[in-house]
Structure formats: structure tokens, C-alpha cells
Amino acid sequence: MADGPEDVARLRWRCRRGMKELDLVLLRYLEQDYPLASAADRDAFARILELQDPDLFGYLVGRDSPAEASLRHVVARIRRVDG
């Protein structure tokens, strides 16, 4: 679980993707929802950042859905922050 400023800075760097759209939506979640997220949601967000861009994009536009419930939950939260 990432908690300290160095960890958040590392997550911010990992939000930088090959697609500007992903950068924006991920950074918005990191700034708005992440600070109040549960430990489980923070862990799921870190795992989401390990996904390949095409998979992540598919999840965030609703084309696909992660198999794991914790990832689905955080993807839904990211989509709400963006919407």
C-alpha cells in the first residue's frame, strides 16, 4: 500500500501513460479519490497501473471489465471521477 509522499509521487509517475486520455483520467482519480480510498482500493489502483494501456483503456471506456472484483470496483470509481 502506498501512503507517503514518495509513494504518491511514484504513483503519479506511473499514471503517465502512452495515451493522454489515460494520463488525465488516472491523475484525476489519484488527486480526487485516492487520498480517501481504503487500503484495498489503494492496492487495487496500484495493480491497475500495472496493466497494459489497451487493456486499461478498454476497462475505462466500458468495453471490457476486469475479472477481479477489487479491480472492477476501482475501475468503476475511476470512471465516476472522470464522468
PDB file of N, CA and C in Angstrom:
ATOM      1  N   MET A   1       0.844  -1.181   0.000  1.00  0.00           N
ATOM      2  CA  MET A   1       0.000   0.000   0.000  1.00  0.00           C
ATOM      3  C   MET A   1       0.882   1.234   0.000  1.00  0.00           C
ATOM      4  N   ALA A   2       0.558   2.198  -0.805  1.00  0.00           N
ATOM      5  CA  ALA A   2       1.303   3.443  -0.888  1.00  0.00           C
ATOM      6  C   ALA A   2       0.634   4.489  -0.005  1.00  0.00           C
ATOM      7  N   ASP A   3       1.427   5.107   0.875  1.00  0.00           N
ATOM      8  CA  ASP A   3       0.863   6.103   1.775  1.00  0.00           C
ATOM      9  C   ASP A   3       1.642   7.403   1.802  1.00  0.00           C
ATOM     10  N   GLY A   4       2.957   7.321   1.800  1.00  0.00           N
ATOM     11  CA  GLY A   4       3.771   8.510   1.956  1.00  0.00           C
ATOM     12  C   GLY A   4       3.866   9.328   0.687  1.00  0.00           C
ATOM     13  N   PRO A   5       4.404  10.551   0.813  1.00  0.00           N
ATOM     14  CA  PRO A   5       4.539  11.425  -0.358  1.00  0.00           C
ATOM     15  C   PRO A   5       5.379  10.811  -1.472  1.00  0.00           C
ATOM     16  N   GLU A   6       6.405  10.036  -1.087  1.00  0.00           N
ATOM     17  CA  GLU A   6       7.238   9.402  -2.116  1.00  0.00           C
ATOM     18  C   GLU A   6       6.437   8.359  -2.877  1.00  0.00           C
ATOM     19  N   ASP A   7       5.581   7.637  -2.155  1.00  0.00           N
ATOM     20  CA  ASP A   7       4.762   6.611  -2.801  1.00  0.00           C
ATOM     21  C   ASP A   7       3.741   7.245  -3.740  1.00  0.00           C
ATOM     22  N   VAL A   8       3.126   8.342  -3.314  1.00  0.00           N
ATOM     23  CA  VAL A   8       2.156   9.029  -4.170  1.00  0.00           C
ATOM     24  C   VAL A   8       2.865   9.598  -5.395  1.00  0.00           C
ATOM     25  N   ALA A   9       4.070  10.124  -5.210  1.00  0.00           N
ATOM     26  CA  ALA A   9       4.837  10.633  -6.352  1.00  0.00           C
ATOM     27  C   ALA A   9       5.139   9.500  -7.333  1.00  0.00           C
ATOM     28  N   ARG A  10       5.454   8.326  -6.805  1.00  0.00           N
ATOM     29  CA  ARG A  10       5.720   7.161  -7.665  1.00  0.00           C
ATOM     30  C   ARG A  10       4.447   6.780  -8.433  1.00  0.00           C
ATOM     31  N   LEU A  11       3.302   6.805  -7.757  1.00  0.00           N
ATOM     32  CA  LEU A  11       2.036   6.501  -8.435  1.00  0.00           C
ATOM     33  C   LEU A  11       1.738   7.552  -9.503  1.00  0.00           C
ATOM     34  N   ARG A  12       2.001   8.818  -9.171  1.00  0.00           N
ATOM     35  CA  ARG A  12       1.771   9.895 -10.150  1.00  0.00           C
ATOM     36  C   ARG A  12       2.602   9.630 -11.408  1.00  0.00           C
ATOM     37  N   TRP A  13       3.853   9.213 -11.232  1.00  0.00           N
ATOM     38  CA  TRP A  13       4.712   8.905 -12.376  1.00  0.00           C
ATOM     39  C   TRP A  13       4.138   7.732 -13.161  1.00  0.00           C
ATOM     40  N   ARG A  14       3.615   6.718 -12.472  1.00  0.00           N
ATOM     41  CA  ARG A  14       3.055   5.543 -13.140  1.00  0.00           C
ATOM     42  C   ARG A  14       1.750   5.865 -13.871  1.00  0.00           C
ATOM     43  N   CYS A  15       1.099   6.969 -13.496  1.00  0.00           N
ATOM     44  CA  CYS A  15      -0.120   7.397 -14.200  1.00  0.00           C
ATOM     45  C   CYS A  15       0.197   7.945 -15.584  1.00  0.00           C
ATOM     46  N   ARG A  16       1.450   8.264 -15.825  1.00  0.00           N
ATOM     47  CA  ARG A  16       1.855   8.781 -17.136  1.00  0.00           C
ATOM     48  C   ARG A  16       1.889   7.610 -18.106  1.00  0.00           C
ATOM     49  N   ARG A  17       0.997   7.637 -19.068  1.00  0.00           N
ATOM     50  CA  ARG A  17       0.823   6.526 -19.990  1.00  0.00           C
ATOM     51  C   ARG A  17       1.157   6.956 -21.406  1.00  0.00           C
ATOM     52  N   GLY A  18       0.958   6.043 -22.331  1.00  0.00           N
ATOM     53  CA  GLY A  18       1.170   6.356 -23.735  1.00  0.00           C
ATOM     54  C   GLY A  18      -0.010   7.065 -24.360  1.00  0.00           C
ATOM     55  N   MET A  19      -1.086   7.188 -23.628  1.00  0.00           N
ATOM     56  CA  MET A  19      -2.300   7.840 -24.137  1.00  0.00           C
ATOM     57  C   MET A  19      -2.659   8.994 -23.201  1.00  0.00           C
ATOM     58  N   LYS A  20      -2.749  10.191 -23.742  1.00  0.00           N
ATOM     59  CA  LYS A  20      -3.055  11.375 -22.940  1.00  0.00           C
ATOM     60  C   LYS A  20      -4.374  11.213 -22.182  1.00  0.00           C
ATOM     61  N   GLU A  21      -5.355  10.562 -22.807  1.00  0.00           N
ATOM     62  CA  GLU A  21      -6.650  10.356 -22.164  1.00  0.00           C
ATOM     63  C   GLU A  21      -6.500   9.555 -20.875  1.00  0.00           C
ATOM     64  N   LEU A  22      -5.651   8.530 -20.922  1.00  0.00           N
ATOM     65  CA  LEU A  22      -5.410   7.731 -19.720  1.00  0.00           C
ATOM     66  C   LEU A  22      -4.689   8.559 -18.661  1.00  0.00           C
ATOM     67  N   ASP A  23      -3.704   9.340 -19.075  1.00  0.00           N
ATOM     68  CA  ASP A  23      -2.993  10.206 -18.122  1.00  0.00           C
ATOM     69  C   ASP A  23      -3.990  11.046 -17.336  1.00  0.00           C
ATOM     70  N   LEU A  24      -4.876  11.697 -18.051  1.00  0.00           N
ATOM     71  CA  LEU A  24      -5.807  12.632 -17.410  1.00  0.00           C
ATOM     72  C   LEU A  24      -6.751  11.949 -16.438  1.00  0.00           C
ATOM     73  N   VAL A  25      -7.343  10.852 -16.854  1.00  0.00           N
ATOM     74  CA  VAL A  25      -8.324  10.190 -16.005  1.00  0.00           C
ATOM     75  C   VAL A  25      -7.659   9.549 -14.784  1.00  0.00           C
ATOM     76  N   LEU A  26      -6.487   8.982 -14.963  1.00  0.00           N
ATOM     77  CA  LEU A  26      -5.789   8.356 -13.837  1.00  0.00           C
ATOM     78  C   LEU A  26      -5.296   9.400 -12.840  1.00  0.00           C
ATOM     79  N   LEU A  27      -4.747  10.493 -13.341  1.00  0.00           N
ATOM     80  CA  LEU A  27      -4.290  11.552 -12.447  1.00  0.00           C
ATOM     81  C   LEU A  27      -5.451  12.193 -11.697  1.00  0.00           C
ATOM     82  N   ARG A  28      -6.578  12.340 -12.354  1.00  0.00           N
ATOM     83  CA  ARG A  28      -7.763  12.906 -11.694  1.00  0.00           C
ATOM     84  C   ARG A  28      -8.195  12.009 -10.535  1.00  0.00           C
ATOM     85  N   TYR A  29      -8.196  10.700 -10.743  1.00  0.00           N
ATOM     86  CA  TYR A  29      -8.540   9.770  -9.661  1.00  0.00           C
ATOM     87  C   TYR A  29      -7.517   9.883  -8.529  1.00  0.00           C
ATOM     88  N   LEU A  30      -6.234   9.903  -8.894  1.00  0.00           N
ATOM     89  CA  LEU A  30      -5.178   9.975  -7.884  1.00  0.00           C
ATOM     90  C   LEU A  30      -5.339  11.221  -7.018  1.00  0.00           C
ATOM     91  N   GLU A  31      -5.690  12.326  -7.614  1.00  0.00           N
ATOM     92  CA  GLU A  31      -5.825  13.574  -6.872  1.00  0.00           C
ATOM     93  C   GLU A  31      -7.133  13.668  -6.099  1.00  0.00           C
ATOM     94  N   GLN A  32      -8.226  13.141  -6.642  1.00  0.00           N
ATOM     95  CA  GLN A  32      -9.537  13.345  -6.031  1.00  0.00           C
ATOM     96  C   GLN A  32      -9.978  12.210  -5.117  1.00  0.00           C
ATOM     97  N   ASP A  33      -9.841  10.980  -5.529  1.00  0.00           N
ATOM     98  CA  ASP A  33     -10.365   9.844  -4.760  1.00  0.00           C
ATOM     99  C   ASP A  33      -9.302   9.096  -3.960  1.00  0.00           C
ATOM    100  N   TYR A  34      -8.119   8.989  -4.509  1.00  0.00           N
ATOM    101  CA  TYR A  34      -7.083   8.180  -3.877  1.00  0.00           C
ATOM    102  C   TYR A  34      -6.786   8.579  -2.431  1.00  0.00           C
ATOM    103  N   PRO A  35      -6.704   9.870  -2.108  1.00  0.00           N
ATOM    104  CA  PRO A  35      -6.365  10.234  -0.728  1.00  0.00           C
ATOM    105  C   PRO A  35      -7.326   9.672   0.325  1.00  0.00           C
ATOM    106  N   LEU A  36      -8.580   9.454  -0.033  1.00  0.00           N
ATOM    107  CA  LEU A  36      -9.576   8.943   0.911  1.00  0.00           C
ATOM    108  C   LEU A  36      -9.912   7.473   0.679  1.00  0.00           C
ATOM    109  N   ALA A  37      -9.233   6.843  -0.267  1.00  0.00           N
ATOM    110  CA  ALA A  37      -9.527   5.448  -0.619  1.00  0.00           C
ATOM    111  C   ALA A  37      -9.091   4.501   0.498  1.00  0.00           C
ATOM    112  N   SER A  38      -9.775   3.377   0.559  1.00  0.00           N
ATOM    113  CA  SER A  38      -9.400   2.333   1.521  1.00  0.00           C
ATOM    114  C   SER A  38      -8.063   1.715   1.114  1.00  0.00           C
ATOM    115  N   ALA A  39      -7.465   0.989   2.031  1.00  0.00           N
ATOM    116  CA  ALA A  39      -6.206   0.297   1.735  1.00  0.00           C
ATOM    117  C   ALA A  39      -6.387  -0.666   0.566  1.00  0.00           C
ATOM    118  N   ALA A  40      -7.512  -1.369   0.528  1.00  0.00           N
ATOM    119  CA  ALA A  40      -7.769  -2.324  -0.558  1.00  0.00           C
ATOM    120  C   ALA A  40      -7.888  -1.599  -1.897  1.00  0.00           C
ATOM    121  N   ASP A  41      -8.567  -0.443  -1.910  1.00  0.00           N
ATOM    122  CA  ASP A  41      -8.701   0.318  -3.148  1.00  0.00           C
ATOM    123  C   ASP A  41      -7.363   0.895  -3.588  1.00  0.00           C
ATOM    124  N   ARG A  42      -6.533   1.314  -2.640  1.00  0.00           N
ATOM    125  CA  ARG A  42      -5.213   1.826  -2.996  1.00  0.00           C
ATOM    126  C   ARG A  42      -4.367   0.724  -3.617  1.00  0.00           C
ATOM    127  N   ASP A  43      -4.444  -0.459  -3.045  1.00  0.00           N
ATOM    128  CA  ASP A  43      -3.707  -1.598  -3.594  1.00  0.00           C
ATOM    129  C   ASP A  43      -4.216  -1.932  -4.996  1.00  0.00           C
ATOM    130  N   ALA A  44      -5.529  -1.929  -5.173  1.00  0.00           N
ATOM    131  CA  ALA A  44      -6.111  -2.230  -6.486  1.00  0.00           C
ATOM    132  C   ALA A  44      -5.687  -1.182  -7.514  1.00  0.00           C
ATOM    133  N   PHE A  45      -5.658   0.097  -7.115  1.00  0.00           N
ATOM    134  CA  PHE A  45      -5.227   1.148  -8.037  1.00  0.00           C
ATOM    135  C   PHE A  45      -3.785   0.915  -8.477  1.00  0.00           C
ATOM    136  N   ALA A  46      -2.914   0.567  -7.544  1.00  0.00           N
ATOM    137  CA  ALA A  46      -1.519   0.289  -7.895  1.00  0.00           C
ATOM    138  C   ALA A  46      -1.439  -0.868  -8.892  1.00  0.00           C
ATOM    139  N   ARG A  47      -2.292  -1.883  -8.707  1.00  0.00           N
ATOM    140  CA  ARG A  47      -2.286  -3.019  -9.637  1.00  0.00           C
ATOM    141  C   ARG A  47      -2.863  -2.622 -10.991  1.00  0.00           C
ATOM    142  N   ILE A  48      -3.846  -1.737 -10.985  1.00  0.00           N
ATOM    143  CA  ILE A  48      -4.416  -1.240 -12.243  1.00  0.00           C
ATOM    144  C   ILE A  48      -3.330  -0.534 -13.059  1.00  0.00           C
ATOM    145  N   LEU A  49      -2.463   0.194 -12.380  1.00  0.00           N
ATOM    146  CA  LEU A  49      -1.399   0.908 -13.082  1.00  0.00           C
ATOM    147  C   LEU A  49      -0.377  -0.023 -13.718  1.00  0.00           C
ATOM    148  N   GLU A  50      -0.403  -1.290 -13.359  1.00  0.00           N
ATOM    149  CA  GLU A  50       0.496  -2.275 -13.971  1.00  0.00           C
ATOM    150  C   GLU A  50      -0.073  -2.836 -15.274  1.00  0.00           C
ATOM    151  N   LEU A  51      -1.332  -2.564 -15.575  1.00  0.00           N
ATOM    152  CA  LEU A  51      -1.968  -3.079 -16.789  1.00  0.00           C
ATOM    153  C   LEU A  51      -1.409  -2.402 -18.028  1.00  0.00           C
ATOM    154  N   GLN A  52      -1.509  -3.096 -19.141  1.00  0.00           N
ATOM    155  CA  GLN A  52      -1.135  -2.521 -20.427  1.00  0.00           C
ATOM    156  C   GLN A  52      -2.184  -1.486 -20.839  1.00  0.00           C
ATOM    157  N   ASP A  53      -1.758  -0.455 -21.562  1.00  0.00           N
ATOM    158  CA  ASP A  53      -2.663   0.622 -21.959  1.00  0.00           C
ATOM    159  C   ASP A  53      -3.925   0.138 -22.677  1.00  0.00           C
ATOM    160  N   PRO A  54      -3.824  -0.769 -23.656  1.00  0.00           N
ATOM    161  CA  PRO A  54      -5.052  -1.189 -24.345  1.00  0.00           C
ATOM    162  C   PRO A  54      -6.067  -1.847 -23.401  1.00  0.00           C
ATOM    163  N   ASP A  55      -5.582  -2.656 -22.466  1.00  0.00           N
ATOM    164  CA  ASP A  55      -6.488  -3.291 -21.504  1.00  0.00           C
ATOM    165  C   ASP A  55      -7.116  -2.243 -20.596  1.00  0.00           C
ATOM    166  N   LEU A  56      -6.296  -1.355 -20.085  1.00  0.00           N
ATOM    167  CA  LEU A  56      -6.781  -0.309 -19.195  1.00  0.00           C
ATOM    168  C   LEU A  56      -7.785   0.589 -19.908  1.00  0.00           C
ATOM    169  N   PHE A  57      -7.489   0.963 -21.125  1.00  0.00           N
ATOM    170  CA  PHE A  57      -8.404   1.803 -21.900  1.00  0.00           C
ATOM    171  C   PHE A  57      -9.744   1.086 -22.087  1.00  0.00           C
ATOM    172  N   GLY A  58      -9.696  -0.196 -22.412  1.00  0.00           N
ATOM    173  CA  GLY A  58     -10.935  -0.966 -22.575  1.00  0.00           C
ATOM    174  C   GLY A  58     -11.777  -0.976 -21.306  1.00  0.00           C
ATOM    175  N   TYR A  59     -11.129  -1.096 -20.169  1.00  0.00           N
ATOM    176  CA  TYR A  59     -11.851  -1.066 -18.892  1.00  0.00           C
ATOM    177  C   TYR A  59     -12.467   0.304 -18.637  1.00  0.00           C
ATOM    178  N   LEU A  60     -11.703   1.346 -18.908  1.00  0.00           N
ATOM    179  CA  LEU A  60     -12.165   2.686 -18.565  1.00  0.00           C
ATOM    180  C   LEU A  60     -13.247   3.216 -19.500  1.00  0.00           C
ATOM    181  N   VAL A  61     -13.313   2.693 -20.717  1.00  0.00           N
ATOM    182  CA  VAL A  61     -14.392   3.107 -21.612  1.00  0.00           C
ATOM    183  C   VAL A  61     -15.581   2.148 -21.541  1.00  0.00           C
ATOM    184  N   GLY A  62     -15.460   1.109 -20.715  1.00  0.00           N
ATOM    185  CA  GLY A  62     -16.570   0.184 -20.523  1.00  0.00           C
ATOM    186  C   GLY A  62     -16.675  -0.909 -21.562  1.00  0.00           C
ATOM    187  N   ARG A  63     -15.654  -1.047 -22.390  1.00  0.00           N
ATOM    188  CA  ARG A  63     -15.667  -2.084 -23.421  1.00  0.00           C
ATOM    189  C   ARG A  63     -15.432  -3.458 -22.798  1.00  0.00           C
ATOM    190  N   ASP A  64     -14.601  -3.506 -21.763  1.00  0.00           N
ATOM    191  CA  ASP A  64     -14.284  -4.735 -21.046  1.00  0.00           C
ATOM    192  C   ASP A  64     -14.398  -4.466 -19.552  1.00  0.00           C
ATOM    193  N   SER A  65     -14.281  -5.528 -18.777  1.00  0.00           N
ATOM    194  CA  SER A  65     -14.339  -5.405 -17.322  1.00  0.00           C
ATOM    195  C   SER A  65     -13.316  -6.350 -16.709  1.00  0.00           C
ATOM    196  N   PRO A  66     -12.583  -5.889 -15.695  1.00  0.00           N
ATOM    197  CA  PRO A  66     -11.609  -6.784 -15.059  1.00  0.00           C
ATOM    198  C   PRO A  66     -12.311  -7.976 -14.417  1.00  0.00           C
ATOM    199  N   ALA A  67     -11.669  -9.115 -14.417  1.00  0.00           N
ATOM    200  CA  ALA A  67     -12.245 -10.315 -13.809  1.00  0.00           C
ATOM    201  C   ALA A  67     -12.285 -10.197 -12.289  1.00  0.00           C
ATOM    202  N   GLU A  68     -11.300  -9.530 -11.716  1.00  0.00           N
ATOM    203  CA  GLU A  68     -11.198  -9.417 -10.261  1.00  0.00           C
ATOM    204  C   GLU A  68     -12.112  -8.308  -9.731  1.00  0.00           C
ATOM    205  N   ALA A  69     -12.896  -8.629  -8.718  1.00  0.00           N
ATOM    206  CA  ALA A  69     -13.883  -7.696  -8.164  1.00  0.00           C
ATOM    207  C   ALA A  69     -13.250  -6.413  -7.639  1.00  0.00           C
ATOM    208  N   SER A  70     -12.107  -6.515  -6.971  1.00  0.00           N
ATOM    209  CA  SER A  70     -11.484  -5.307  -6.411  1.00  0.00           C
ATOM    210  C   SER A  70     -11.044  -4.352  -7.520  1.00  0.00           C
ATOM    211  N   LEU A  71     -10.577  -4.906  -8.628  1.00  0.00           N
ATOM    212  CA  LEU A  71     -10.192  -4.060  -9.757  1.00  0.00           C
ATOM    213  C   LEU A  71     -11.420  -3.456 -10.421  1.00  0.00           C
ATOM    214  N   ARG A  72     -12.488  -4.245 -10.551  1.00  0.00           N
ATOM    215  CA  ARG A  72     -13.745  -3.722 -11.118  1.00  0.00           C
ATOM    216  C   ARG A  72     -14.247  -2.542 -10.296  1.00  0.00           C
ATOM    217  N   HIS A  73     -14.173  -2.680  -8.973  1.00  0.00           N
ATOM    218  CA  HIS A  73     -14.645  -1.615  -8.085  1.00  0.00           C
ATOM    219  C   HIS A  73     -13.870  -0.315  -8.311  1.00  0.00           C
ATOM    220  N   VAL A  74     -12.552  -0.408  -8.373  1.00  0.00           N
ATOM    221  CA  VAL A  74     -11.739   0.796  -8.548  1.00  0.00           C
ATOM    222  C   VAL A  74     -11.899   1.361  -9.959  1.00  0.00           C
ATOM    223  N   VAL A  75     -12.013   0.505 -10.953  1.00  0.00           N
ATOM    224  CA  VAL A  75     -12.267   0.987 -12.314  1.00  0.00           C
ATOM    225  C   VAL A  75     -13.581   1.776 -12.347  1.00  0.00           C
ATOM    226  N   ALA A  76     -14.592   1.271 -11.675  1.00  0.00           N
ATOM    227  CA  ALA A  76     -15.874   1.992 -11.613  1.00  0.00           C
ATOM    228  C   ALA A  76     -15.700   3.349 -10.937  1.00  0.00           C
ATOM    229  N   ARG A  77     -14.905   3.411  -9.899  1.00  0.00           N
ATOM    230  CA  ARG A  77     -14.656   4.680  -9.198  1.00  0.00           C
ATOM    231  C   ARG A  77     -13.885   5.645 -10.105  1.00  0.00           C
ATOM    232  N   ILE A  78     -12.915   5.125 -10.823  1.00  0.00           N
ATOM    233  CA  ILE A  78     -12.154   5.982 -11.759  1.00  0.00           C
ATOM    234  C   ILE A  78     -13.104   6.535 -12.815  1.00  0.00           C
ATOM    235  N   ARG A  79     -13.973   5.702 -13.324  1.00  0.00           N
ATOM    236  CA  ARG A  79     -14.926   6.148 -14.346  1.00  0.00           C
ATOM    237  C   ARG A  79     -15.865   7.219 -13.798  1.00  0.00           C
ATOM    238  N   ARG A  80     -16.265   7.105 -12.522  1.00  0.00           N
ATOM    239  CA  ARG A  80     -17.139   8.110 -11.909  1.00  0.00           C
ATOM    240  C   ARG A  80     -16.416   9.443 -11.741  1.00  0.00           C
ATOM    241  N   VAL A  81     -15.153   9.404 -11.345  1.00  0.00           N
ATOM    242  CA  VAL A  81     -14.373  10.636 -11.178  1.00  0.00           C
ATOM    243  C   VAL A  81     -14.277  11.360 -12.503  1.00  0.00           C
ATOM    244  N   ASP A  82     -14.126  10.601 -13.581  1.00  0.00           N
ATOM    245  CA  ASP A  82     -13.992  11.209 -14.901  1.00  0.00           C
ATOM    246  C   ASP A  82     -15.327  11.704 -15.442  1.00  0.00           C
ATOM    247  N   GLY A  83     -16.396  11.067 -15.024  1.00  0.00           N
ATOM    248  CA  GLY A  83     -17.705  11.400 -15.579  1.00  0.00           C
ATOM    249  C   GLY A  83     -18.317  12.514 -14.899  1.00  0.00           C
TER     250      GLY A  83
END
